[in-house]
PDB file of N, CA and C in Angstrom:
ATOM      1  N   MET A   1       0.935  11.306  -2.112  1.00  0.00           N
ATOM      2  CA  MET A   1       0.766  10.638  -3.335  1.00  0.00           C
ATOM      3  C   MET A   1       0.638  10.202  -4.239  1.00  0.00           C
ATOM      4  N   LEU A   2      -1.150   9.444  -4.470  1.00  0.00           N
ATOM      5  CA  LEU A   2      -2.402   9.588  -5.442  1.00  0.00           C
ATOM      6  C   LEU A   2      -2.668  10.832  -6.522  1.00  0.00           C
ATOM      7  N   PRO A   3      -2.383  11.937  -5.840  1.00  0.00           N
ATOM      8  CA  PRO A   3      -2.838  13.097  -6.744  1.00  0.00           C
ATOM      9  C   PRO A   3      -0.785  13.828  -7.063  1.00  0.00           C
ATOM     10  N   ASP A   4       0.191  13.477  -6.486  1.00  0.00           N
ATOM     11  CA  ASP A   4       0.725  13.165  -6.923  1.00  0.00           C
ATOM     12  C   ASP A   4       1.503  12.836  -8.847  1.00  0.00           C
ATOM     13  N   ALA A   5       1.413  11.263  -8.764  1.00  0.00           N
ATOM     14  CA  ALA A   5       1.070  10.184  -9.964  1.00  0.00           C
ATOM     15  C   ALA A   5       0.241  10.536 -10.513  1.00  0.00           C
ATOM     16  N   ILE A   6      -0.977  10.934  -9.934  1.00  0.00           N
ATOM     17  CA  ILE A   6      -1.477  12.148 -11.109  1.00  0.00           C
ATOM     18  C   ILE A   6      -1.909  12.776 -12.272  1.00  0.00           C
ATOM     19  N   ALA A   7      -1.055  13.765 -11.070  1.00  0.00           N
ATOM     20  CA  ALA A   7      -0.071  15.228 -11.662  1.00  0.00           C
ATOM     21  C   ALA A   7       0.976  14.642 -12.760  1.00  0.00           C
ATOM     22  N   TRP A   8       1.685  13.397 -12.476  1.00  0.00           N
ATOM     23  CA  TRP A   8       2.655  13.753 -13.151  1.00  0.00           C
ATOM     24  C   TRP A   8       2.148  12.751 -14.481  1.00  0.00           C
ATOM     25  N   ASP A   9       1.458  11.582 -14.584  1.00  0.00           N
ATOM     26  CA  ASP A   9       0.557  10.673 -15.656  1.00  0.00           C
ATOM     27  C   ASP A   9      -0.068  12.895 -17.183  1.00  0.00           C
ATOM     28  N   ALA A  10      -0.619  12.778 -15.724  1.00  0.00           N
ATOM     29  CA  ALA A  10      -1.518  13.886 -16.926  1.00  0.00           C
ATOM     30  C   ALA A  10      -0.475  14.852 -17.510  1.00  0.00           C
ATOM     31  N   CYS A  11       0.509  15.523 -16.426  1.00  0.00           N
ATOM     32  CA  CYS A  11       1.284  15.876 -17.885  1.00  0.00           C
ATOM     33  C   CYS A  11       2.261  15.407 -18.943  1.00  0.00           C
ATOM     34  N   ASN A  12       2.197  13.558 -19.092  1.00  0.00           N
ATOM     35  CA  ASN A  12       3.447  13.356 -19.408  1.00  0.00           C
ATOM     36  C   ASN A  12       2.251  12.475 -20.566  1.00  0.00           C
ATOM     37  N   THR A  13       1.078  12.254 -20.889  1.00  0.00           N
ATOM     38  CA  THR A  13       0.396  11.587 -21.286  1.00  0.00           C
ATOM     39  C   THR A  13      -0.653  11.931 -22.285  1.00  0.00           C
ATOM     40  N   GLY A  14      -0.732  13.184 -20.894  1.00  0.00           N
ATOM     41  CA  GLY A  14      -1.790  14.597 -22.028  1.00  0.00           C
ATOM     42  C   GLY A  14      -3.602  13.755 -21.697  1.00  0.00           C
ATOM     43  N   LEU A  15      -3.275  12.404 -20.760  1.00  0.00           N
ATOM     44  CA  LEU A  15      -4.936  12.350 -20.402  1.00  0.00           C
ATOM     45  C   LEU A  15      -5.396  12.343 -18.798  1.00  0.00           C
ATOM     46  N   ARG A  16      -6.438  12.227 -19.335  1.00  0.00           N
ATOM     47  CA  ARG A  16      -6.996  12.365 -17.342  1.00  0.00           C
ATOM     48  C   ARG A  16      -7.462  11.035 -17.120  1.00  0.00           C
ATOM     49  N   ARG A  17      -6.885  10.625 -15.917  1.00  0.00           N
ATOM     50  CA  ARG A  17      -6.949   9.041 -15.183  1.00  0.00           C
ATOM     51  C   ARG A  17      -7.013   9.226 -13.552  1.00  0.00           C
ATOM     52  N   GLU A  18      -7.624  10.042 -14.041  1.00  0.00           N
ATOM     53  CA  GLU A  18      -8.060   9.965 -12.027  1.00  0.00           C
ATOM     54  C   GLU A  18      -8.788   9.276 -11.689  1.00  0.00           C
ATOM     55  N   GLY A  19      -9.662   8.298 -12.609  1.00  0.00           N
ATOM     56  CA  GLY A  19     -11.206   7.864 -12.197  1.00  0.00           C
ATOM     57  C   GLY A  19     -10.246   6.812 -12.248  1.00  0.00           C
ATOM     58  N   ALA A  20      -8.939   5.970 -12.840  1.00  0.00           N
ATOM     59  CA  ALA A  20      -8.396   4.738 -13.229  1.00  0.00           C
ATOM     60  C   ALA A  20      -7.596   4.458 -12.192  1.00  0.00           C
ATOM     61  N   TYR A  21      -7.277   5.846 -11.312  1.00  0.00           N
ATOM     62  CA  TYR A  21      -6.531   5.535 -10.392  1.00  0.00           C
ATOM     63  C   TYR A  21      -6.882   5.504  -8.773  1.00  0.00           C
ATOM     64  N   SER A  22      -8.084   5.818  -9.445  1.00  0.00           N
ATOM     65  CA  SER A  22      -9.062   6.280  -7.710  1.00  0.00           C
ATOM     66  C   SER A  22      -9.208   4.699  -7.653  1.00  0.00           C
ATOM     67  N   ALA A  23      -9.657   4.305  -8.684  1.00  0.00           N
ATOM     68  CA  ALA A  23     -10.392   2.438  -8.930  1.00  0.00           C
ATOM     69  C   ALA A  23      -9.500   2.224  -8.556  1.00  0.00           C
ATOM     70  N   VAL A  24      -8.210   1.679  -8.810  1.00  0.00           N
ATOM     71  CA  VAL A  24      -6.534   0.922  -8.661  1.00  0.00           C
ATOM     72  C   VAL A  24      -7.121   0.792  -6.647  1.00  0.00           C
ATOM     73  N   TYR A  25      -6.472   2.463  -6.870  1.00  0.00           N
ATOM     74  CA  TYR A  25      -6.589   2.289  -4.930  1.00  0.00           C
ATOM     75  C   TYR A  25      -7.620   2.143  -3.732  1.00  0.00           C
ATOM     76  N   SER A  26      -8.679   2.574  -4.858  1.00  0.00           N
ATOM     77  CA  SER A  26      -9.233   1.401  -3.908  1.00  0.00           C
ATOM     78  C   SER A  26      -9.702  -0.167  -3.949  1.00  0.00           C
ATOM     79  N   ALA A  27      -9.675  -0.203  -4.917  1.00  0.00           N
ATOM     80  CA  ALA A  27      -9.995  -1.777  -4.830  1.00  0.00           C
ATOM     81  C   ALA A  27      -8.216  -2.003  -4.294  1.00  0.00           C
ATOM     82  N   VAL A  28      -6.660  -2.154  -4.254  1.00  0.00           N
ATOM     83  CA  VAL A  28      -5.900  -2.768  -3.878  1.00  0.00           C
ATOM     84  C   VAL A  28      -6.472  -1.596  -1.494  1.00  0.00           C
ATOM     85  N   GLU A  29      -7.285  -1.153  -1.413  1.00  0.00           N
ATOM     86  CA  GLU A  29      -7.021  -0.747   0.396  1.00  0.00           C
ATOM     87  C   GLU A  29      -8.538  -0.967   0.943  1.00  0.00           C
ATOM     88  N   GLN A  30      -9.411  -1.286  -0.373  1.00  0.00           N
ATOM     89  CA  GLN A  30     -10.099  -3.008   0.024  1.00  0.00           C
ATOM     90  C   GLN A  30      -9.341  -4.930   0.466  1.00  0.00           C
ATOM     91  N   ALA A  31      -8.944  -4.770  -0.582  1.00  0.00           N
ATOM     92  CA  ALA A  31      -8.073  -6.067  -0.749  1.00  0.00           C
ATOM     93  C   ALA A  31      -7.652  -5.592   0.839  1.00  0.00           C
ATOM     94  N   ALA A  32      -6.582  -5.413   0.893  1.00  0.00           N
ATOM     95  CA  ALA A  32      -6.061  -4.954   1.904  1.00  0.00           C
ATOM     96  C   ALA A  32      -6.750  -5.275   3.522  1.00  0.00           C
ATOM     97  N   ALA A  33      -8.043  -4.478   3.393  1.00  0.00           N
ATOM     98  CA  ALA A  33      -8.601  -4.876   4.279  1.00  0.00           C
ATOM     99  C   ALA A  33      -9.337  -5.883   4.093  1.00  0.00           C
ATOM    100  N   ALA A  34      -9.851  -6.547   2.955  1.00  0.00           N
ATOM    101  CA  ALA A  34     -10.456  -7.876   3.547  1.00  0.00           C
ATOM    102  C   ALA A  34      -9.242  -8.932   4.057  1.00  0.00           C
ATOM    103  N   LEU A  35      -8.202  -9.312   3.453  1.00  0.00           N
ATOM    104  CA  LEU A  35      -6.991  -9.740   4.198  1.00  0.00           C
ATOM    105  C   LEU A  35      -6.294 -10.082   5.061  1.00  0.00           C
ATOM    106  N   GLY A  36      -6.056  -8.303   5.605  1.00  0.00           N
ATOM    107  CA  GLY A  36      -5.284  -8.810   7.117  1.00  0.00           C
ATOM    108  C   GLY A  36      -6.311  -9.637   8.534  1.00  0.00           C
ATOM    109  N   PRO A  37      -7.911  -9.523   8.215  1.00  0.00           N
ATOM    110  CA  PRO A  37      -8.223 -10.293   9.122  1.00  0.00           C
ATOM    111  C   PRO A  37      -8.147 -11.790   8.442  1.00  0.00           C
ATOM    112  N   LEU A  38      -8.642 -12.141   7.524  1.00  0.00           N
ATOM    113  CA  LEU A  38      -8.125 -13.827   7.313  1.00  0.00           C
ATOM    114  C   LEU A  38      -6.597 -13.724   7.382  1.00  0.00           C
ATOM    115  N   ALA A  39      -5.916 -12.948   7.783  1.00  0.00           N
ATOM    116  CA  ALA A  39      -3.915 -13.707   7.869  1.00  0.00           C
ATOM    117  C   ALA A  39      -3.907 -13.746   9.512  1.00  0.00           C
ATOM    118  N   LEU A  40      -4.922 -12.597   9.710  1.00  0.00           N
ATOM    119  CA  LEU A  40      -4.717 -12.402  11.449  1.00  0.00           C
ATOM    120  C   LEU A  40      -5.962 -13.723  12.081  1.00  0.00           C
ATOM    121  N   GLY A  41      -6.162 -14.471  11.075  1.00  0.00           N
ATOM    122  CA  GLY A  41      -7.533 -16.268  11.832  1.00  0.00           C
ATOM    123  C   GLY A  41      -6.424 -16.581  11.583  1.00  0.00           C
ATOM    124  N   LEU A  42      -6.071 -16.274  10.194  1.00  0.00           N
ATOM    125  CA  LEU A  42      -5.104 -17.924   9.174  1.00  0.00           C
ATOM    126  C   LEU A  42      -4.175 -18.327  11.394  1.00  0.00           C
ATOM    127  N   VAL A  43      -2.940 -16.709  11.194  1.00  0.00           N
ATOM    128  CA  VAL A  43      -1.857 -17.162  12.634  1.00  0.00           C
ATOM    129  C   VAL A  43      -2.380 -17.071  13.900  1.00  0.00           C
ATOM    130  N   LEU A  44      -3.640 -17.406  14.115  1.00  0.00           N
ATOM    131  CA  LEU A  44      -4.196 -17.576  15.719  1.00  0.00           C
ATOM    132  C   LEU A  44      -4.585 -18.906  15.441  1.00  0.00           C
ATOM    133  N   SER A  45      -4.899 -19.570  14.218  1.00  0.00           N
ATOM    134  CA  SER A  45      -5.968 -21.323  14.309  1.00  0.00           C
ATOM    135  C   SER A  45      -4.358 -21.856  14.448  1.00  0.00           C
ATOM    136  N   LEU A  46      -2.944 -21.460  13.678  1.00  0.00           N
ATOM    137  CA  LEU A  46      -2.111 -22.192  14.269  1.00  0.00           C
ATOM    138  C   LEU A  46      -2.144 -23.482  15.466  1.00  0.00           C
ATOM    139  N   ASP A  47      -2.740 -22.390  16.566  1.00  0.00           N
ATOM    140  CA  ASP A  47      -2.361 -23.177  17.465  1.00  0.00           C
ATOM    141  C   ASP A  47      -1.456 -23.355  17.703  1.00  0.00           C
ATOM    142  N   ALA A  48      -1.158 -22.209  18.522  1.00  0.00           N
ATOM    143  CA  ALA A  48       0.793 -21.408  18.826  1.00  0.00           C
ATOM    144  C   ALA A  48       0.816 -20.989  20.304  1.00  0.00           C
ATOM    145  N   GLY A  49      -0.441 -21.254  20.637  1.00  0.00           N
ATOM    146  CA  GLY A  49      -1.053 -20.709  21.925  1.00  0.00           C
ATOM    147  C   GLY A  49      -0.434 -18.773  22.184  1.00  0.00           C
ATOM    148  N   PRO A  50       0.381 -18.077  22.751  1.00  0.00           N
ATOM    149  CA  PRO A  50       0.091 -17.004  22.690  1.00  0.00           C
ATOM    150  C   PRO A  50       2.116 -16.676  22.097  1.00  0.00           C
ATOM    151  N   ARG A  51       2.273 -17.838  21.542  1.00  0.00           N
ATOM    152  CA  ARG A  51       3.057 -17.019  20.640  1.00  0.00           C
ATOM    153  C   ARG A  51       2.642 -16.483  19.305  1.00  0.00           C
ATOM    154  N   GLY A  52       1.392 -17.188  18.901  1.00  0.00           N
ATOM    155  CA  GLY A  52       1.043 -16.853  18.074  1.00  0.00           C
ATOM    156  C   GLY A  52      -0.079 -15.146  18.205  1.00  0.00           C
ATOM    157  N   ILE A  53       0.366 -15.298  19.255  1.00  0.00           N
ATOM    158  CA  ILE A  53      -1.065 -14.095  19.749  1.00  0.00           C
ATOM    159  C   ILE A  53      -0.209 -12.470  19.777  1.00  0.00           C
ATOM    160  N   VAL A  54       2.135 -12.872  20.058  1.00  0.00           N
ATOM    161  CA  VAL A  54       2.636 -12.490  19.194  1.00  0.00           C
ATOM    162  C   VAL A  54       2.797 -11.773  18.550  1.00  0.00           C
ATOM    163  N   LEU A  55       2.935 -12.716  17.448  1.00  0.00           N
ATOM    164  CA  LEU A  55       3.019 -12.639  15.830  1.00  0.00           C
ATOM    165  C   LEU A  55       2.404 -11.582  15.448  1.00  0.00           C
ATOM    166  N   ALA A  56       1.193 -12.381  15.286  1.00  0.00           N
ATOM    167  CA  ALA A  56      -0.363 -11.299  15.307  1.00  0.00           C
ATOM    168  C   ALA A  56      -0.340  -9.927  15.135  1.00  0.00           C
ATOM    169  N   ALA A  57       0.276  -9.594  16.413  1.00  0.00           N
ATOM    170  CA  ALA A  57       0.060  -8.471  17.439  1.00  0.00           C
ATOM    171  C   ALA A  57       1.569  -7.189  17.289  1.00  0.00           C
ATOM    172  N   ALA A  58       2.349  -8.209  16.955  1.00  0.00           N
ATOM    173  CA  ALA A  58       3.479  -7.442  17.034  1.00  0.00           C
ATOM    174  C   ALA A  58       4.670  -8.273  16.216  1.00  0.00           C
ATOM    175  N   LEU A  59       5.479  -9.076  15.727  1.00  0.00           N
ATOM    176  CA  LEU A  59       6.135  -9.194  14.812  1.00  0.00           C
ATOM    177  C   LEU A  59       5.385  -9.368  12.827  1.00  0.00           C
ATOM    178  N   ILE A  60       4.173  -9.422  12.851  1.00  0.00           N
ATOM    179  CA  ILE A  60       3.739  -9.522  11.734  1.00  0.00           C
ATOM    180  C   ILE A  60       3.942  -7.623  10.807  1.00  0.00           C
ATOM    181  N   PRO A  61       3.304  -7.008  11.713  1.00  0.00           N
ATOM    182  CA  PRO A  61       3.180  -5.927  11.604  1.00  0.00           C
ATOM    183  C   PRO A  61       4.409  -5.275  11.154  1.00  0.00           C
ATOM    184  N   ALA A  62       5.351  -5.644  12.005  1.00  0.00           N
ATOM    185  CA  ALA A  62       6.205  -4.828  12.260  1.00  0.00           C
ATOM    186  C   ALA A  62       7.256  -5.807  10.835  1.00  0.00           C
ATOM    187  N   ALA A  63       7.164  -7.170  10.601  1.00  0.00           N
ATOM    188  CA  ALA A  63       7.427  -7.338   9.571  1.00  0.00           C
ATOM    189  C   ALA A  63       7.109  -6.471   8.163  1.00  0.00           C
ATOM    190  N   ALA A  64       5.341  -5.966   8.185  1.00  0.00           N
ATOM    191  CA  ALA A  64       4.854  -5.325   7.319  1.00  0.00           C
ATOM    192  C   ALA A  64       5.322  -3.775   6.974  1.00  0.00           C
ATOM    193  N   SER A  65       5.485  -3.483   8.475  1.00  0.00           N
ATOM    194  CA  SER A  65       6.005  -2.026   8.254  1.00  0.00           C
ATOM    195  C   SER A  65       7.198  -1.617   7.262  1.00  0.00           C
ATOM    196  N   ALA A  66       7.729  -2.405   8.086  1.00  0.00           N
ATOM    197  CA  ALA A  66       9.189  -2.846   7.498  1.00  0.00           C
ATOM    198  C   ALA A  66       9.122  -3.136   6.087  1.00  0.00           C
ATOM    199  N   LEU A  67       8.153  -3.895   5.297  1.00  0.00           N
ATOM    200  CA  LEU A  67       8.168  -3.992   3.846  1.00  0.00           C
ATOM    201  C   LEU A  67       8.210  -3.163   2.472  1.00  0.00           C
ATOM    202  N   SER A  68       6.963  -2.248   3.554  1.00  0.00           N
ATOM    203  CA  SER A  68       6.574  -1.060   3.655  1.00  0.00           C
ATOM    204  C   SER A  68       7.715   0.174   3.171  1.00  0.00           C
ATOM    205  N   ALA A  69       8.460   0.448   4.147  1.00  0.00           N
ATOM    206  CA  ALA A  69       9.044   1.348   4.432  1.00  0.00           C
ATOM    207  C   ALA A  69      10.344   0.818   2.697  1.00  0.00           C
ATOM    208  N   LEU A  70      10.565  -0.101   2.570  1.00  0.00           N
ATOM    209  CA  LEU A  70      11.854  -0.714   2.111  1.00  0.00           C
ATOM    210  C   LEU A  70      11.083  -0.512   0.639  1.00  0.00           C
ATOM    211  N   LEU A  71       9.569  -0.426  -0.272  1.00  0.00           N
ATOM    212  CA  LEU A  71       8.846   0.018  -1.523  1.00  0.00           C
ATOM    213  C   LEU A  71       9.037   1.483  -1.208  1.00  0.00           C
ATOM    214  N   LEU A  72       8.879   2.138  -0.311  1.00  0.00           N
ATOM    215  CA  LEU A  72       8.666   3.375  -0.778  1.00  0.00           C
ATOM    216  C   LEU A  72       9.819   4.309  -0.501  1.00  0.00           C
ATOM    217  N   ALA A  73      10.501   3.643   0.113  1.00  0.00           N
ATOM    218  CA  ALA A  73      11.985   4.302  -0.036  1.00  0.00           C
ATOM    219  C   ALA A  73      12.706   4.733  -1.792  1.00  0.00           C
ATOM    220  N   GLY A  74      11.791   3.197  -2.593  1.00  0.00           N
ATOM    221  CA  GLY A  74      12.432   3.962  -4.005  1.00  0.00           C
ATOM    222  C   GLY A  74      11.095   4.821  -4.390  1.00  0.00           C
ATOM    223  N   TYR A  75      10.375   5.361  -4.027  1.00  0.00           N
ATOM    224  CA  TYR A  75       9.372   5.589  -4.416  1.00  0.00           C
ATOM    225  C   TYR A  75      10.364   7.576  -3.881  1.00  0.00           C
ATOM    226  N   THR A  76      10.451   7.975  -5.975  1.00  0.00           N
ATOM    227  CA  THR A  76      10.675   9.340  -6.053  1.00  0.00           C
ATOM    228  C   THR A  76      10.147  10.977  -6.778  1.00  0.00           C
ATOM    229  N   LEU A  77       9.008   9.936  -7.038  1.00  0.00           N
ATOM    230  CA  LEU A  77       8.107  10.961  -7.422  1.00  0.00           C
ATOM    231  C   LEU A  77       7.114  12.602  -5.905  1.00  0.00           C
ATOM    232  N   ASP A  78       8.464  13.420  -6.427  1.00  0.00           N
ATOM    233  CA  ASP A  78       6.874  14.532  -5.132  1.00  0.00           C
ATOM    234  C   ASP A  78       6.863  15.404  -6.325  1.00  0.00           C
ATOM    235  N   GLU A  79       5.983  16.616  -5.345  1.00  0.00           N
ATOM    236  CA  GLU A  79       5.691  17.814  -6.195  1.00  0.00           C
ATOM    237  C   GLU A  79       6.211  18.492  -6.956  1.00  0.00           C
ATOM    238  N   ARG A  80       6.520  18.251  -6.543  1.00  0.00           N
ATOM    239  CA  ARG A  80       7.906  19.663  -8.012  1.00  0.00           C
ATOM    240  C   ARG A  80       7.824  18.620  -9.527  1.00  0.00           C
ATOM    241  N   ARG A  81       8.103  17.139  -8.986  1.00  0.00           N
ATOM    242  CA  ARG A  81       8.515  16.693 -10.181  1.00  0.00           C
ATOM    243  C   ARG A  81       7.464  16.625 -10.277  1.00  0.00           C
ATOM    244  N   SER A  82       6.598  15.884 -10.026  1.00  0.00           N
ATOM    245  CA  SER A  82       5.070  15.710 -10.818  1.00  0.00           C
ATOM    246  C   SER A  82       4.844  16.911 -12.013  1.00  0.00           C
ATOM    247  N   MET A  83       5.104  18.138 -12.005  1.00  0.00           N
ATOM    248  CA  MET A  83       4.565  18.971 -13.033  1.00  0.00           C
ATOM    249  C   MET A  83       5.882  19.077 -13.806  1.00  0.00           C
ATOM    250  N   GLU A  84       6.702  18.643 -13.256  1.00  0.00           N
ATOM    251  CA  GLU A  84       7.709  19.045 -14.776  1.00  0.00           C
ATOM    252  C   GLU A  84       7.428  18.448 -16.366  1.00  0.00           C
ATOM    253  N   GLU A  85       8.319  19.045 -16.773  1.00  0.00           N
ATOM    254  CA  GLU A  85       7.589  18.919 -18.145  1.00  0.00           C
ATOM    255  C   GLU A  85       8.294  17.270 -19.205  1.00  0.00           C
ATOM    256  N   PRO A  86       7.801  16.202 -19.520  1.00  0.00           N
ATOM    257  CA  PRO A  86       8.600  15.470 -20.010  1.00  0.00           C
ATOM    258  C   PRO A  86      10.020  15.227 -20.116  1.00  0.00           C
TER     259      PRO A  86
END
């Protein structure tokens, strides 16, 4: 997805901004890596017993996967479309 977005941006703006796109991607990836354990710790600290483990191990990851699938359903940029002229 990242290379397609970079190619689309370059074709439509004439600017080469690979560094900016890569920096944003890296920042989001780092934030997700930091917030995941934080969320897990918060869920497990609720003192819900085994139910907290079920939430942390099954329900929250399933909800996150469903949300990401919904967000990706709107992504229509593919390799062919990224190389089209504006």
